[in-house]
Amino acid sequence: PLRRPARNLMTTRPPPASATASADADDPLFVASLEKGMRVLDAFRDASDSLGLTDIASITGLGKSAAQRFIHTWERMGYLIKDPASRRYRLGPRVVELGYFFLRSDRLVSMAAPHLVALRDRCGLAVHMSVLAGSDMIYLLRLPSRQLTLAEMLPGRRMPAWCNSGGRMLLTPQDDDAIRQTLLRAPPRAFTPRTVVDPDALLALIRQARDDGYALTEDQVLQNQVGAAVLLRDARAVPLAAISVRAPRHDYPTDRLLSDIVPQLFRTAQAIQDA
């Protein structure tokens, strides 16, 4: 049985540079220069293509000279690649290698994967496993259906936890005040015309998911898509992750999602816990 949370599951999103500097000013073990170097890689979080030196300096808050030194170091190590013609940078393959090391060695991922593959094969729908990261969620495993795009297949994507079924389940162990503060600190924005963004309405939906033990969503991140999720717990009932299924709305109205998919999610979560 899963006796303890898998390593590194609850990593939090890096705070802004000013918050980091304030929080760690008195920490003798904190290496400020390493934190600044990591800001350079983190700058590519929302980049659709490449970034230039000026872009990276602006995003990270570093001076151009410091940013250039960090960029050069990351390039020499293979974490950044420079286009000699445009003199712009993109992430290198070694970044993916780090993710592989984590996924290969993480106990929860290795135990859950066969059960999630079996669930995907039974229902023929996209199956995901995600964990909480501060106020966001990160996908650790994404098993696609045939209709998904490449971006929707890749693990590692970070999303606001409030916006989909898996993230809402990950928020359910928190008390209402903590959830309300999270929603106030980063006001929700709409992904579709039907995305619920009102903090009171979102809190009510998360409360409902807490009471039911499952969460259902409809058209929240993508149009014509529904989702269902449950929590995966260890043997002591400590929440570890959420497992979720995404389906086309025209094939899975709410009543079918509740009758066909939610019971399979519960059985899969129990099988992983008992593994």
C-alpha atoms as a PDB file:
ATOM      1  CA  PRO A   1       0.000   0.000   0.000  1.00  0.00           C
ATOM      2  CA  LEU A   2       0.978   3.635  -0.425  1.00  0.00           C
ATOM      3  CA  ARG A   3       2.337   4.440   3.026  1.00  0.00           C
ATOM      4  CA  ARG A   4       3.666   7.940   2.409  1.00  0.00           C
ATOM      5  CA  PRO A   5       3.460  10.660  -0.227  1.00  0.00           C
ATOM      6  CA  ALA A   6       5.819  10.127  -3.130  1.00  0.00           C
ATOM      7  CA  ARG A   7       8.873  12.335  -3.244  1.00  0.00           C
ATOM      8  CA  ASN A   8       8.623  15.890  -4.511  1.00  0.00           C
ATOM      9  CA  LEU A   9       4.881  15.737  -5.182  1.00  0.00           C
ATOM     10  CA  MET A  10       4.004  18.956  -3.415  1.00  0.00           C
ATOM     11  CA  THR A  11       6.604  21.260  -4.931  1.00  0.00           C
ATOM     12  CA  THR A  12       5.305  24.830  -4.918  1.00  0.00           C
ATOM     13  CA  ARG A  13       5.459  27.348  -7.712  1.00  0.00           C
ATOM     14  CA  PRO A  14       8.423  29.716  -7.356  1.00  0.00           C
ATOM     15  CA  PRO A  15       7.265  32.994  -5.805  1.00  0.00           C
ATOM     16  CA  PRO A  16       8.107  36.368  -7.333  1.00  0.00           C
ATOM     17  CA  ALA A  17      11.717  37.426  -6.961  1.00  0.00           C
ATOM     18  CA  SER A  18      10.915  40.091  -4.383  1.00  0.00           C
ATOM     19  CA  ALA A  19       9.002  37.594  -2.248  1.00  0.00           C
ATOM     20  CA  THR A  20      11.839  35.094  -2.500  1.00  0.00           C
ATOM     21  CA  ALA A  21      14.433  37.657  -1.491  1.00  0.00           C
ATOM     22  CA  SER A  22      12.358  38.740   1.488  1.00  0.00           C
ATOM     23  CA  ALA A  23      11.536  35.205   2.620  1.00  0.00           C
ATOM     24  CA  ASP A  24      15.092  33.895   2.345  1.00  0.00           C
ATOM     25  CA  ALA A  25      17.195  36.899   3.378  1.00  0.00           C
ATOM     26  CA  ASP A  26      17.890  35.319   6.771  1.00  0.00           C
ATOM     27  CA  ASP A  27      18.388  31.754   5.523  1.00  0.00           C
ATOM     28  CA  PRO A  28      22.139  30.981   5.621  1.00  0.00           C
ATOM     29  CA  LEU A  29      21.732  27.890   3.435  1.00  0.00           C
ATOM     30  CA  PHE A  30      19.784  29.625   0.665  1.00  0.00           C
ATOM     31  CA  VAL A  31      21.911  30.231  -2.450  1.00  0.00           C
ATOM     32  CA  ALA A  32      20.569  33.455  -3.945  1.00  0.00           C
ATOM     33  CA  SER A  33      22.634  33.174  -7.121  1.00  0.00           C
ATOM     34  CA  LEU A  34      21.169  29.727  -7.838  1.00  0.00           C
ATOM     35  CA  GLU A  35      17.667  31.132  -7.412  1.00  0.00           C
ATOM     36  CA  LYS A  36      18.499  33.875  -9.910  1.00  0.00           C
ATOM     37  CA  GLY A  37      19.826  31.316 -12.363  1.00  0.00           C
ATOM     38  CA  MET A  38      16.642  29.290 -12.075  1.00  0.00           C
ATOM     39  CA  ARG A  39      14.643  32.410 -12.905  1.00  0.00           C
ATOM     40  CA  VAL A  40      16.215  32.295 -16.364  1.00  0.00           C
ATOM     41  CA  LEU A  41      14.829  28.811 -17.058  1.00  0.00           C
ATOM     42  CA  ASP A  42      11.500  29.761 -15.493  1.00  0.00           C
ATOM     43  CA  ALA A  43      11.263  32.692 -17.909  1.00  0.00           C
ATOM     44  CA  PHE A  44      10.387  30.185 -20.637  1.00  0.00           C
ATOM     45  CA  ARG A  45       7.247  29.052 -18.773  1.00  0.00           C
ATOM     46  CA  ASP A  46       4.881  31.078 -20.981  1.00  0.00           C
ATOM     47  CA  ALA A  47       7.123  31.524 -24.028  1.00  0.00           C
ATOM     48  CA  SER A  48       5.605  30.110 -27.200  1.00  0.00           C
ATOM     49  CA  ASP A  49       8.920  30.102 -29.035  1.00  0.00           C
ATOM     50  CA  SER A  50      12.289  31.686 -28.254  1.00  0.00           C
ATOM     51  CA  LEU A  51      13.461  34.565 -26.049  1.00  0.00           C
ATOM     52  CA  GLY A  52      16.200  37.125 -26.537  1.00  0.00           C
ATOM     53  CA  LEU A  53      18.543  38.481 -23.878  1.00  0.00           C
ATOM     54  CA  THR A  54      16.404  41.605 -23.394  1.00  0.00           C
ATOM     55  CA  ASP A  55      13.266  39.463 -23.017  1.00  0.00           C
ATOM     56  CA  ILE A  56      14.886  37.261 -20.378  1.00  0.00           C
ATOM     57  CA  ALA A  57      16.303  40.208 -18.433  1.00  0.00           C
ATOM     58  CA  SER A  58      12.875  41.872 -18.404  1.00  0.00           C
ATOM     59  CA  ILE A  59      10.978  38.743 -17.340  1.00  0.00           C
ATOM     60  CA  THR A  60      13.441  37.767 -14.600  1.00  0.00           C
ATOM     61  CA  GLY A  61      14.176  41.243 -13.256  1.00  0.00           C
ATOM     62  CA  LEU A  62      17.901  40.625 -13.676  1.00  0.00           C
ATOM     63  CA  GLY A  63      20.349  43.079 -15.192  1.00  0.00           C
ATOM     64  CA  LYS A  64      21.473  42.279 -18.717  1.00  0.00           C
ATOM     65  CA  SER A  65      25.001  41.433 -17.607  1.00  0.00           C
ATOM     66  CA  ALA A  66      23.849  38.972 -14.949  1.00  0.00           C
ATOM     67  CA  ALA A  67      21.218  37.487 -17.260  1.00  0.00           C
ATOM     68  CA  GLN A  68      23.839  36.985 -19.971  1.00  0.00           C
ATOM     69  CA  ARG A  69      26.142  35.082 -17.619  1.00  0.00           C
ATOM     70  CA  PHE A  70      23.366  32.777 -16.474  1.00  0.00           C
ATOM     71  CA  ILE A  71      22.193  32.252 -20.066  1.00  0.00           C
ATOM     72  CA  HIS A  72      25.711  31.385 -21.181  1.00  0.00           C
ATOM     73  CA  THR A  73      26.099  28.890 -18.328  1.00  0.00           C
ATOM     74  CA  TRP A  74      22.795  27.186 -19.092  1.00  0.00           C
ATOM     75  CA  GLU A  75      23.749  27.055 -22.771  1.00  0.00           C
ATOM     76  CA  ARG A  76      27.101  25.448 -22.020  1.00  0.00           C
ATOM     77  CA  MET A  77      25.319  22.842 -19.885  1.00  0.00           C
ATOM     78  CA  GLY A  78      22.752  22.048 -22.580  1.00  0.00           C
ATOM     79  CA  TYR A  79      19.693  23.498 -20.857  1.00  0.00           C
ATOM     80  CA  LEU A  80      19.415  26.351 -23.368  1.00  0.00           C
ATOM     81  CA  ILE A  81      20.066  26.391 -27.113  1.00  0.00           C
ATOM     82  CA  LYS A  82      21.040  29.539 -29.005  1.00  0.00           C
ATOM     83  CA  ASP A  83      20.017  30.256 -32.581  1.00  0.00           C
ATOM     84  CA  PRO A  84      23.181  31.704 -34.148  1.00  0.00           C
ATOM     85  CA  ALA A  85      21.211  33.710 -36.714  1.00  0.00           C
ATOM     86  CA  SER A  86      18.632  35.357 -34.434  1.00  0.00           C
ATOM     87  CA  ARG A  87      20.743  35.177 -31.246  1.00  0.00           C
ATOM     88  CA  ARG A  88      17.616  34.042 -29.402  1.00  0.00           C
ATOM     89  CA  TYR A  89      17.310  31.137 -26.984  1.00  0.00           C
ATOM     90  CA  ARG A  90      15.023  28.202 -26.417  1.00  0.00           C
ATOM     91  CA  LEU A  91      14.994  25.391 -23.874  1.00  0.00           C
ATOM     92  CA  GLY A  92      17.280  22.456 -24.612  1.00  0.00           C
ATOM     93  CA  PRO A  93      16.646  18.703 -24.399  1.00  0.00           C
ATOM     94  CA  ARG A  94      18.340  18.411 -21.006  1.00  0.00           C
ATOM     95  CA  VAL A  95      15.305  20.075 -19.452  1.00  0.00           C
ATOM     96  CA  VAL A  96      13.194  17.131 -20.622  1.00  0.00           C
ATOM     97  CA  GLU A  97      15.788  14.748 -19.221  1.00  0.00           C
ATOM     98  CA  LEU A  98      15.238  16.153 -15.723  1.00  0.00           C
ATOM     99  CA  GLY A  99      11.532  15.412 -16.037  1.00  0.00           C
ATOM    100  CA  TYR A 100      12.345  11.876 -17.135  1.00  0.00           C
ATOM    101  CA  PHE A 101      14.528  11.347 -14.069  1.00  0.00           C
ATOM    102  CA  PHE A 102      11.637  12.407 -11.847  1.00  0.00           C
ATOM    103  CA  LEU A 103       8.974  10.323 -13.587  1.00  0.00           C
ATOM    104  CA  ARG A 104      11.233   7.256 -13.744  1.00  0.00           C
ATOM    105  CA  SER A 105      12.023   7.319 -10.032  1.00  0.00           C
ATOM    106  CA  ASP A 106       8.780   8.599  -8.509  1.00  0.00           C
ATOM    107  CA  ARG A 107       7.055   5.826  -6.580  1.00  0.00           C
ATOM    108  CA  LEU A 108       3.519   7.101  -7.051  1.00  0.00           C
ATOM    109  CA  VAL A 109       3.930   7.487 -10.815  1.00  0.00           C
ATOM    110  CA  SER A 110       5.298   3.964 -11.200  1.00  0.00           C
ATOM    111  CA  MET A 111       2.521   2.435  -9.091  1.00  0.00           C
ATOM    112  CA  ALA A 112      -0.302   4.434 -10.659  1.00  0.00           C
ATOM    113  CA  ALA A 113       0.674   4.188 -14.333  1.00  0.00           C
ATOM    114  CA  PRO A 114      -0.489   0.596 -15.051  1.00  0.00           C
ATOM    115  CA  HIS A 115      -3.865   1.246 -13.411  1.00  0.00           C
ATOM    116  CA  LEU A 116      -4.350   4.510 -15.296  1.00  0.00           C
ATOM    117  CA  VAL A 117      -3.470   2.799 -18.593  1.00  0.00           C
ATOM    118  CA  ALA A 118      -6.060   0.112 -17.808  1.00  0.00           C
ATOM    119  CA  LEU A 119      -8.643   2.809 -17.034  1.00  0.00           C
ATOM    120  CA  ARG A 120      -7.896   4.593 -20.319  1.00  0.00           C
ATOM    121  CA  ASP A 121      -8.198   1.333 -22.244  1.00  0.00           C
ATOM    122  CA  ARG A 122     -11.536   0.501 -20.590  1.00  0.00           C
ATOM    123  CA  CYS A 123     -13.196   3.856 -21.145  1.00  0.00           C
ATOM    124  CA  GLY A 124     -11.322   5.009 -24.265  1.00  0.00           C
ATOM    125  CA  LEU A 125     -10.980   8.529 -22.854  1.00  0.00           C
ATOM    126  CA  ALA A 126      -8.109  10.753 -21.787  1.00  0.00           C
ATOM    127  CA  VAL A 127      -6.882   9.950 -18.255  1.00  0.00           C
ATOM    128  CA  HIS A 128      -4.724  12.254 -16.132  1.00  0.00           C
ATOM    129  CA  MET A 129      -2.972  12.289 -12.759  1.00  0.00           C
ATOM    130  CA  SER A 130      -2.156  15.659 -11.214  1.00  0.00           C
ATOM    131  CA  VAL A 131      -0.731  17.067  -7.994  1.00  0.00           C
ATOM    132  CA  LEU A 132      -1.094  20.356  -6.172  1.00  0.00           C
ATOM    133  CA  ALA A 133       1.679  22.930  -6.561  1.00  0.00           C
ATOM    134  CA  GLY A 134       0.886  25.949  -4.416  1.00  0.00           C
ATOM    135  CA  SER A 135      -2.380  27.310  -5.808  1.00  0.00           C
ATOM    136  CA  ASP A 136      -1.857  25.477  -9.111  1.00  0.00           C
ATOM    137  CA  MET A 137      -1.928  21.886 -10.270  1.00  0.00           C
ATOM    138  CA  ILE A 138       0.661  20.055 -12.358  1.00  0.00           C
ATOM    139  CA  TYR A 139      -0.031  17.060 -14.570  1.00  0.00           C
ATOM    140  CA  LEU A 140       2.324  14.169 -13.786  1.00  0.00           C
ATOM    141  CA  LEU A 141       0.748  11.693 -16.203  1.00  0.00           C
ATOM    142  CA  ARG A 142      -1.456  12.349 -19.227  1.00  0.00           C
ATOM    143  CA  LEU A 143      -2.738   9.369 -21.187  1.00  0.00           C
ATOM    144  CA  PRO A 144      -4.406  10.764 -24.294  1.00  0.00           C
ATOM    145  CA  SER A 145      -7.470   9.796 -26.199  1.00  0.00           C
ATOM    146  CA  ARG A 146      -7.240   9.877 -29.987  1.00  0.00           C
ATOM    147  CA  GLN A 147      -8.779  13.344 -30.186  1.00  0.00           C
ATOM    148  CA  LEU A 148      -6.218  15.212 -28.053  1.00  0.00           C
ATOM    149  CA  THR A 149      -3.549  17.505 -29.442  1.00  0.00           C
ATOM    150  CA  LEU A 150       0.162  17.184 -28.659  1.00  0.00           C
ATOM    151  CA  ALA A 151       0.011  19.945 -26.012  1.00  0.00           C
ATOM    152  CA  GLU A 152      -2.738  18.027 -24.199  1.00  0.00           C
ATOM    153  CA  MET A 153      -0.634  14.845 -24.106  1.00  0.00           C
ATOM    154  CA  LEU A 154       2.477  16.256 -22.461  1.00  0.00           C
ATOM    155  CA  PRO A 155       3.023  15.944 -18.697  1.00  0.00           C
ATOM    156  CA  GLY A 156       4.331  18.874 -16.693  1.00  0.00           C
ATOM    157  CA  ARG A 157       1.678  21.415 -17.656  1.00  0.00           C
ATOM    158  CA  ARG A 158       0.716  23.791 -14.847  1.00  0.00           C
ATOM    159  CA  MET A 159      -2.865  25.034 -14.572  1.00  0.00           C
ATOM    160  CA  PRO A 160      -4.811  27.014 -11.962  1.00  0.00           C
ATOM    161  CA  ALA A 161      -6.238  24.420  -9.596  1.00  0.00           C
ATOM    162  CA  TRP A 162      -9.730  25.947  -9.533  1.00  0.00           C
ATOM    163  CA  CYS A 163     -10.376  25.541 -13.260  1.00  0.00           C
ATOM    164  CA  ASN A 164     -10.848  21.800 -13.763  1.00  0.00           C
ATOM    165  CA  SER A 165     -12.084  18.706 -11.995  1.00  0.00           C
ATOM    166  CA  GLY A 166      -8.680  17.392 -10.909  1.00  0.00           C
ATOM    167  CA  GLY A 167      -7.555  20.730  -9.514  1.00  0.00           C
ATOM    168  CA  ARG A 168     -10.799  21.265  -7.614  1.00  0.00           C
ATOM    169  CA  MET A 169     -10.415  17.864  -5.974  1.00  0.00           C
ATOM    170  CA  LEU A 170      -6.849  18.757  -4.990  1.00  0.00           C
ATOM    171  CA  LEU A 171      -8.197  21.870  -3.236  1.00  0.00           C
ATOM    172  CA  THR A 172     -10.862  20.006  -1.252  1.00  0.00           C
ATOM    173  CA  PRO A 173      -8.590  19.068   1.715  1.00  0.00           C
ATOM    174  CA  GLN A 174      -7.986  22.792   2.366  1.00  0.00           C
ATOM    175  CA  ASP A 175     -10.332  24.778   4.568  1.00  0.00           C
ATOM    176  CA  ASP A 176     -12.653  27.340   3.023  1.00  0.00           C
ATOM    177  CA  ASP A 177     -10.647  30.348   4.232  1.00  0.00           C
ATOM    178  CA  ALA A 178      -7.466  29.058   2.598  1.00  0.00           C
ATOM    179  CA  ILE A 179      -9.293  28.434  -0.686  1.00  0.00           C
ATOM    180  CA  ARG A 180     -10.906  31.880  -0.564  1.00  0.00           C
ATOM    181  CA  GLN A 181      -7.537  33.546  -0.007  1.00  0.00           C
ATOM    182  CA  THR A 182      -6.078  31.623  -2.944  1.00  0.00           C
ATOM    183  CA  LEU A 183      -8.862  32.844  -5.219  1.00  0.00           C
ATOM    184  CA  LEU A 184      -8.453  36.431  -4.018  1.00  0.00           C
ATOM    185  CA  ARG A 185      -4.667  36.451  -4.492  1.00  0.00           C
ATOM    186  CA  ALA A 186      -4.940  35.337  -8.118  1.00  0.00           C
ATOM    187  CA  PRO A 187      -8.408  36.235  -9.438  1.00  0.00           C
ATOM    188  CA  PRO A 188      -9.710  33.568 -11.830  1.00  0.00           C
ATOM    189  CA  ARG A 189      -9.937  34.360 -15.539  1.00  0.00           C
ATOM    190  CA  ALA A 190     -12.214  32.727 -18.061  1.00  0.00           C
ATOM    191  CA  PHE A 191     -10.971  30.105 -20.518  1.00  0.00           C
ATOM    192  CA  THR A 192     -14.380  29.691 -22.191  1.00  0.00           C
ATOM    193  CA  PRO A 193     -17.685  31.591 -22.028  1.00  0.00           C
ATOM    194  CA  ARG A 194     -18.858  29.070 -19.415  1.00  0.00           C
ATOM    195  CA  THR A 195     -15.819  29.127 -17.122  1.00  0.00           C
ATOM    196  CA  VAL A 196     -16.872  29.793 -13.536  1.00  0.00           C
ATOM    197  CA  VAL A 197     -14.743  32.670 -12.241  1.00  0.00           C
ATOM    198  CA  ASP A 198     -16.783  34.077  -9.348  1.00  0.00           C
ATOM    199  CA  PRO A 199     -14.893  33.198  -6.130  1.00  0.00           C
ATOM    200  CA  ASP A 200     -18.065  32.458  -4.145  1.00  0.00           C
ATOM    201  CA  ALA A 201     -19.403  30.193  -6.874  1.00  0.00           C
ATOM    202  CA  LEU A 202     -16.062  28.392  -7.152  1.00  0.00           C
ATOM    203  CA  LEU A 203     -15.881  27.907  -3.398  1.00  0.00           C
ATOM    204  CA  ALA A 204     -19.380  26.409  -3.457  1.00  0.00           C
ATOM    205  CA  LEU A 205     -18.337  23.984  -6.216  1.00  0.00           C
ATOM    206  CA  ILE A 206     -15.228  22.923  -4.285  1.00  0.00           C
ATOM    207  CA  ARG A 207     -17.334  22.434  -1.143  1.00  0.00           C
ATOM    208  CA  GLN A 208     -19.714  20.267  -3.180  1.00  0.00           C
ATOM    209  CA  ALA A 209     -16.795  18.199  -4.480  1.00  0.00           C
ATOM    210  CA  ARG A 210     -15.522  17.788  -0.901  1.00  0.00           C
ATOM    211  CA  ASP A 211     -18.932  16.498   0.212  1.00  0.00           C
ATOM    212  CA  ASP A 212     -19.451  14.228  -2.811  1.00  0.00           C
ATOM    213  CA  GLY A 213     -15.922  12.855  -2.999  1.00  0.00           C
ATOM    214  CA  TYR A 214     -15.755  13.633  -6.717  1.00  0.00           C
ATOM    215  CA  ALA A 215     -15.787  16.703  -8.974  1.00  0.00           C
ATOM    216  CA  LEU A 216     -17.539  17.195 -12.310  1.00  0.00           C
ATOM    217  CA  THR A 217     -16.853  20.027 -14.747  1.00  0.00           C
ATOM    218  CA  GLU A 218     -18.314  21.124 -18.059  1.00  0.00           C
ATOM    219  CA  ASP A 219     -16.815  23.536 -20.618  1.00  0.00           C
ATOM    220  CA  GLN A 220     -14.449  25.035 -18.048  1.00  0.00           C
ATOM    221  CA  VAL A 221     -11.112  24.991 -19.916  1.00  0.00           C
ATOM    222  CA  LEU A 222     -12.151  23.704 -23.349  1.00  0.00           C
ATOM    223  CA  GLN A 223     -15.492  24.035 -25.106  1.00  0.00           C
ATOM    224  CA  ASN A 224     -17.557  20.858 -25.399  1.00  0.00           C
ATOM    225  CA  GLN A 225     -15.387  19.004 -22.868  1.00  0.00           C
ATOM    226  CA  VAL A 226     -16.449  17.517 -19.537  1.00  0.00           C
ATOM    227  CA  GLY A 227     -14.299  16.164 -16.745  1.00  0.00           C
ATOM    228  CA  ALA A 228     -14.567  13.996 -13.652  1.00  0.00           C
ATOM    229  CA  ALA A 229     -12.022  13.492 -10.882  1.00  0.00           C
ATOM    230  CA  VAL A 230     -11.457  11.841  -7.512  1.00  0.00           C
ATOM    231  CA  LEU A 231      -8.645  12.012  -4.978  1.00  0.00           C
ATOM    232  CA  LEU A 232      -5.958   9.377  -4.718  1.00  0.00           C
ATOM    233  CA  ARG A 233      -4.978   8.819  -1.080  1.00  0.00           C
ATOM    234  CA  ASP A 234      -2.367   6.767   0.726  1.00  0.00           C
ATOM    235  CA  ALA A 235      -3.105   4.062   3.292  1.00  0.00           C
ATOM    236  CA  ARG A 236      -3.536   6.734   5.988  1.00  0.00           C
ATOM    237  CA  ALA A 237      -6.038   8.659   3.839  1.00  0.00           C
ATOM    238  CA  VAL A 238      -3.531  11.434   3.130  1.00  0.00           C
ATOM    239  CA  PRO A 239      -4.282  13.002  -0.284  1.00  0.00           C
ATOM    240  CA  LEU A 240      -1.522  12.345  -2.815  1.00  0.00           C
ATOM    241  CA  ALA A 241      -2.942  13.292  -6.194  1.00  0.00           C
ATOM    242  CA  ALA A 242      -6.082  13.568  -8.280  1.00  0.00           C
ATOM    243  CA  ILE A 243      -6.983  11.195 -11.087  1.00  0.00           C
ATOM    244  CA  SER A 244      -9.333  12.488 -13.726  1.00  0.00           C
ATOM    245  CA  VAL A 245     -10.978  11.675 -17.030  1.00  0.00           C
ATOM    246  CA  ARG A 246     -11.806  14.112 -19.822  1.00  0.00           C
ATOM    247  CA  ALA A 247     -14.537  13.371 -22.361  1.00  0.00           C
ATOM    248  CA  PRO A 248     -16.514  15.016 -25.181  1.00  0.00           C
ATOM    249  CA  ARG A 249     -19.676  16.601 -23.764  1.00  0.00           C
ATOM    250  CA  HIS A 250     -21.929  15.262 -26.548  1.00  0.00           C
ATOM    251  CA  ASP A 251     -20.931  11.681 -25.651  1.00  0.00           C
ATOM    252  CA  TYR A 252     -20.922  12.099 -21.878  1.00  0.00           C
ATOM    253  CA  PRO A 253     -23.710  14.253 -20.462  1.00  0.00           C
ATOM    254  CA  THR A 254     -23.552  14.675 -16.693  1.00  0.00           C
ATOM    255  CA  ASP A 255     -25.724  11.668 -15.888  1.00  0.00           C
ATOM    256  CA  ARG A 256     -23.563   9.319 -17.977  1.00  0.00           C
ATOM    257  CA  LEU A 257     -20.346  10.821 -16.575  1.00  0.00           C
ATOM    258  CA  LEU A 258     -21.674  10.177 -13.073  1.00  0.00           C
ATOM    259  CA  SER A 259     -22.924   6.660 -13.748  1.00  0.00           C
ATOM    260  CA  ASP A 260     -20.148   5.339 -16.020  1.00  0.00           C
ATOM    261  CA  ILE A 261     -16.940   7.232 -15.234  1.00  0.00           C
ATOM    262  CA  VAL A 262     -17.020   8.230 -11.559  1.00  0.00           C
ATOM    263  CA  PRO A 263     -17.349   4.617 -10.290  1.00  0.00           C
ATOM    264  CA  GLN A 264     -14.388   3.612 -12.478  1.00  0.00           C
ATOM    265  CA  LEU A 265     -12.336   6.472 -11.030  1.00  0.00           C
ATOM    266  CA  PHE A 266     -13.099   5.328  -7.489  1.00  0.00           C
ATOM    267  CA  ARG A 267     -12.181   1.727  -8.316  1.00  0.00           C
ATOM    268  CA  THR A 268      -8.946   2.821  -9.959  1.00  0.00           C
ATOM    269  CA  ALA A 269      -7.991   4.993  -6.984  1.00  0.00           C
ATOM    270  CA  GLN A 270      -8.620   2.086  -4.625  1.00  0.00           C
ATOM    271  CA  ALA A 271      -6.583  -0.296  -6.795  1.00  0.00           C
ATOM    272  CA  ILE A 272      -3.627   2.100  -6.744  1.00  0.00           C
ATOM    273  CA  GLN A 273      -3.891   2.511  -2.997  1.00  0.00           C
ATOM    274  CA  ASP A 274      -3.936  -1.262  -2.544  1.00  0.00           C
ATOM    275  CA  ALA A 275      -1.050  -1.884  -4.938  1.00  0.00           C
END
